[in-house]
Amino acid sequence: MNDTHTPSALEPMMSVEELSAYLDVPIRTLYDWRRVGRGPCPIRVGRQLRYFVSDVQQWLADQRELSSGTNAATG
């Protein structure tokens, strides 16, 4: 049995630049969101911020729920 991890087994991540292009928002907006606790949650890899694709997808799904008038606190 081989328990070693290969790069292909890692969850895909996006850079700040990639997420900015994907969401069509300025890079500065992503940094502002991070500062105030909004937007998808980044992780720091060395000096760079990265976003797990699954976190971005979940955050987008949460935005759709919030914009449809559903109050997440009350269901």
N, C-alpha and C. Protein backbone atom coordinates (compact mmCIF):
# COMPACT_ATOMS: atom_id res chain seq x y z
N MET A 1 0.85 -1.19 0.00
CA MET A 1 0.00 0.00 0.00
C MET A 1 0.89 1.24 0.00
N ASN A 2 0.59 2.17 -0.85
CA ASN A 2 1.39 3.37 -0.98
C ASN A 2 0.64 4.54 -0.35
N ASP A 3 1.20 5.10 0.74
CA ASP A 3 0.54 6.21 1.44
C ASP A 3 1.12 7.57 1.08
N THR A 4 1.98 7.64 0.09
CA THR A 4 2.57 8.93 -0.26
C THR A 4 1.54 9.77 -1.00
N HIS A 5 1.63 11.06 -0.82
CA HIS A 5 0.72 11.99 -1.48
C HIS A 5 1.40 12.54 -2.72
N THR A 6 0.66 12.61 -3.78
CA THR A 6 1.18 13.18 -5.01
C THR A 6 0.49 14.51 -5.25
N PRO A 7 1.15 15.42 -5.96
CA PRO A 7 0.52 16.71 -6.23
C PRO A 7 -0.86 16.60 -6.87
N SER A 8 -1.09 15.57 -7.67
CA SER A 8 -2.40 15.43 -8.31
C SER A 8 -3.50 15.10 -7.31
N ALA A 9 -3.11 14.64 -6.11
CA ALA A 9 -4.10 14.29 -5.09
C ALA A 9 -4.49 15.50 -4.24
N LEU A 10 -3.80 16.61 -4.40
CA LEU A 10 -4.10 17.80 -3.61
C LEU A 10 -5.30 18.54 -4.19
N GLU A 11 -6.05 19.18 -3.30
CA GLU A 11 -7.19 19.97 -3.75
C GLU A 11 -6.69 21.18 -4.54
N PRO A 12 -7.34 21.50 -5.66
CA PRO A 12 -6.92 22.65 -6.45
C PRO A 12 -7.06 23.96 -5.67
N MET A 13 -6.13 24.85 -5.93
CA MET A 13 -6.13 26.16 -5.28
C MET A 13 -6.05 27.24 -6.35
N MET A 14 -6.51 28.44 -5.96
CA MET A 14 -6.45 29.60 -6.86
C MET A 14 -5.59 30.67 -6.21
N SER A 15 -4.85 31.39 -7.04
CA SER A 15 -4.11 32.55 -6.56
C SER A 15 -5.06 33.74 -6.46
N VAL A 16 -4.58 34.80 -5.85
CA VAL A 16 -5.37 36.03 -5.77
C VAL A 16 -5.70 36.53 -7.18
N GLU A 17 -4.73 36.47 -8.05
CA GLU A 17 -4.94 36.94 -9.42
C GLU A 17 -5.99 36.09 -10.15
N GLU A 18 -5.92 34.78 -9.96
CA GLU A 18 -6.89 33.89 -10.60
C GLU A 18 -8.30 34.12 -10.06
N LEU A 19 -8.41 34.28 -8.74
CA LEU A 19 -9.72 34.52 -8.15
C LEU A 19 -10.28 35.87 -8.58
N SER A 20 -9.42 36.86 -8.66
CA SER A 20 -9.84 38.18 -9.12
C SER A 20 -10.43 38.09 -10.53
N ALA A 21 -9.76 37.38 -11.41
CA ALA A 21 -10.25 37.21 -12.78
C ALA A 21 -11.54 36.39 -12.80
N TYR A 22 -11.60 35.35 -12.00
CA TYR A 22 -12.77 34.47 -11.96
C TYR A 22 -14.02 35.21 -11.49
N LEU A 23 -13.86 36.02 -10.43
CA LEU A 23 -14.99 36.76 -9.88
C LEU A 23 -15.22 38.10 -10.58
N ASP A 24 -14.27 38.50 -11.42
CA ASP A 24 -14.32 39.79 -12.11
C ASP A 24 -14.40 40.94 -11.11
N VAL A 25 -13.53 40.87 -10.10
CA VAL A 25 -13.39 41.95 -9.12
C VAL A 25 -11.91 42.33 -9.05
N PRO A 26 -11.61 43.58 -8.71
CA PRO A 26 -10.21 43.97 -8.58
C PRO A 26 -9.50 43.19 -7.47
N ILE A 27 -8.21 42.98 -7.65
CA ILE A 27 -7.41 42.32 -6.62
C ILE A 27 -7.55 43.05 -5.29
N ARG A 28 -7.56 44.37 -5.34
CA ARG A 28 -7.69 45.17 -4.11
C ARG A 28 -8.96 44.79 -3.34
N THR A 29 -10.04 44.50 -4.05
CA THR A 29 -11.29 44.09 -3.40
C THR A 29 -11.09 42.82 -2.59
N LEU A 30 -10.35 41.86 -3.13
CA LEU A 30 -10.09 40.61 -2.39
C LEU A 30 -9.32 40.89 -1.10
N TYR A 31 -8.34 41.78 -1.18
CA TYR A 31 -7.58 42.13 0.03
C TYR A 31 -8.47 42.89 1.02
N ASP A 32 -9.33 43.76 0.52
CA ASP A 32 -10.26 44.47 1.40
C ASP A 32 -11.23 43.50 2.07
N TRP A 33 -11.77 42.56 1.30
CA TRP A 33 -12.67 41.56 1.88
C TRP A 33 -11.96 40.77 2.97
N ARG A 34 -10.72 40.40 2.72
CA ARG A 34 -9.96 39.63 3.72
C ARG A 34 -9.80 40.44 5.00
N ARG A 35 -9.51 41.72 4.85
CA ARG A 35 -9.28 42.59 6.00
C ARG A 35 -10.53 42.72 6.87
N VAL A 36 -11.71 42.75 6.26
CA VAL A 36 -12.95 42.93 7.02
C VAL A 36 -13.70 41.62 7.27
N GLY A 37 -13.11 40.49 6.87
CA GLY A 37 -13.73 39.20 7.15
C GLY A 37 -14.82 38.79 6.18
N ARG A 38 -14.78 39.29 4.96
CA ARG A 38 -15.75 38.91 3.93
C ARG A 38 -15.04 38.07 2.87
N GLY A 39 -15.80 37.53 1.97
CA GLY A 39 -15.23 36.78 0.86
C GLY A 39 -14.78 35.40 1.28
N PRO A 40 -14.31 34.62 0.31
CA PRO A 40 -13.81 33.29 0.62
C PRO A 40 -12.58 33.37 1.52
N CYS A 41 -12.40 32.38 2.34
CA CYS A 41 -11.30 32.37 3.31
C CYS A 41 -10.00 31.91 2.63
N PRO A 42 -8.98 32.77 2.62
CA PRO A 42 -7.71 32.38 2.02
C PRO A 42 -6.82 31.66 3.03
N ILE A 43 -5.81 31.00 2.51
CA ILE A 43 -4.75 30.47 3.36
C ILE A 43 -3.43 31.04 2.86
N ARG A 44 -2.49 31.14 3.74
CA ARG A 44 -1.18 31.67 3.37
C ARG A 44 -0.25 30.50 3.07
N VAL A 45 0.36 30.56 1.91
CA VAL A 45 1.38 29.59 1.51
C VAL A 45 2.65 30.39 1.28
N GLY A 46 3.54 30.35 2.26
CA GLY A 46 4.70 31.22 2.19
C GLY A 46 4.25 32.67 2.29
N ARG A 47 4.58 33.46 1.30
CA ARG A 47 4.15 34.87 1.28
C ARG A 47 2.89 35.09 0.45
N GLN A 48 2.40 34.04 -0.15
CA GLN A 48 1.26 34.16 -1.06
C GLN A 48 -0.04 33.71 -0.41
N LEU A 49 -1.14 34.34 -0.82
CA LEU A 49 -2.47 33.88 -0.41
C LEU A 49 -3.00 32.96 -1.49
N ARG A 50 -3.65 31.90 -1.04
CA ARG A 50 -4.29 30.96 -1.96
C ARG A 50 -5.69 30.66 -1.46
N TYR A 51 -6.55 30.26 -2.36
CA TYR A 51 -7.94 29.93 -2.04
C TYR A 51 -8.22 28.52 -2.55
N PHE A 52 -8.75 27.66 -1.68
CA PHE A 52 -9.19 26.35 -2.13
C PHE A 52 -10.41 26.55 -3.03
N VAL A 53 -10.42 25.88 -4.16
CA VAL A 53 -11.53 26.00 -5.10
C VAL A 53 -12.85 25.63 -4.41
N SER A 54 -12.83 24.61 -3.56
CA SER A 54 -14.06 24.20 -2.87
C SER A 54 -14.57 25.30 -1.94
N ASP A 55 -13.65 26.05 -1.30
CA ASP A 55 -14.06 27.17 -0.44
C ASP A 55 -14.71 28.28 -1.26
N VAL A 56 -14.14 28.55 -2.43
CA VAL A 56 -14.70 29.58 -3.32
C VAL A 56 -16.10 29.15 -3.77
N GLN A 57 -16.25 27.89 -4.17
CA GLN A 57 -17.56 27.39 -4.60
C GLN A 57 -18.58 27.47 -3.48
N GLN A 58 -18.18 27.11 -2.27
CA GLN A 58 -19.10 27.17 -1.13
C GLN A 58 -19.49 28.61 -0.83
N TRP A 59 -18.51 29.51 -0.86
CA TRP A 59 -18.79 30.92 -0.60
C TRP A 59 -19.78 31.47 -1.64
N LEU A 60 -19.57 31.10 -2.90
CA LEU A 60 -20.49 31.55 -3.95
C LEU A 60 -21.90 31.00 -3.72
N ALA A 61 -22.00 29.75 -3.32
CA ALA A 61 -23.31 29.15 -3.02
C ALA A 61 -23.97 29.88 -1.87
N ASP A 62 -23.18 30.23 -0.86
CA ASP A 62 -23.72 30.97 0.29
C ASP A 62 -24.22 32.35 -0.14
N GLN A 63 -23.54 32.98 -1.09
CA GLN A 63 -23.96 34.29 -1.58
C GLN A 63 -25.29 34.18 -2.30
N ARG A 64 -25.47 33.12 -3.04
CA ARG A 64 -26.73 32.92 -3.77
C ARG A 64 -27.87 32.76 -2.77
N GLU A 65 -27.64 32.01 -1.70
CA GLU A 65 -28.67 31.82 -0.67
C GLU A 65 -29.00 33.13 0.01
N LEU A 66 -27.98 33.94 0.33
CA LEU A 66 -28.21 35.21 1.01
C LEU A 66 -28.93 36.20 0.10
N SER A 67 -28.58 36.20 -1.18
CA SER A 67 -29.21 37.17 -2.09
C SER A 67 -30.63 36.78 -2.46
N SER A 68 -31.01 35.53 -2.22
CA SER A 68 -32.38 35.11 -2.55
C SER A 68 -33.37 35.46 -1.45
N GLY A 69 -32.88 36.09 -0.38
CA GLY A 69 -33.76 36.50 0.70
C GLY A 69 -33.82 35.53 1.85
N THR A 70 -33.10 34.43 1.77
CA THR A 70 -33.08 33.46 2.87
C THR A 70 -32.17 33.97 3.96
N ASN A 71 -32.67 34.03 5.16
CA ASN A 71 -31.86 34.45 6.29
C ASN A 71 -31.18 33.22 6.87
N ALA A 72 -29.85 33.15 6.74
CA ALA A 72 -29.11 31.98 7.20
C ALA A 72 -29.26 31.77 8.70
N ALA A 73 -29.46 32.84 9.46
CA ALA A 73 -29.57 32.72 10.91
C ALA A 73 -30.90 32.10 11.33
N THR A 74 -31.96 32.37 10.57
CA THR A 74 -33.28 31.86 10.97
C THR A 74 -33.76 30.72 10.08
N GLY A 75 -33.03 30.46 8.99
CA GLY A 75 -33.40 29.34 8.12
C GLY A 75 -34.35 29.78 7.10
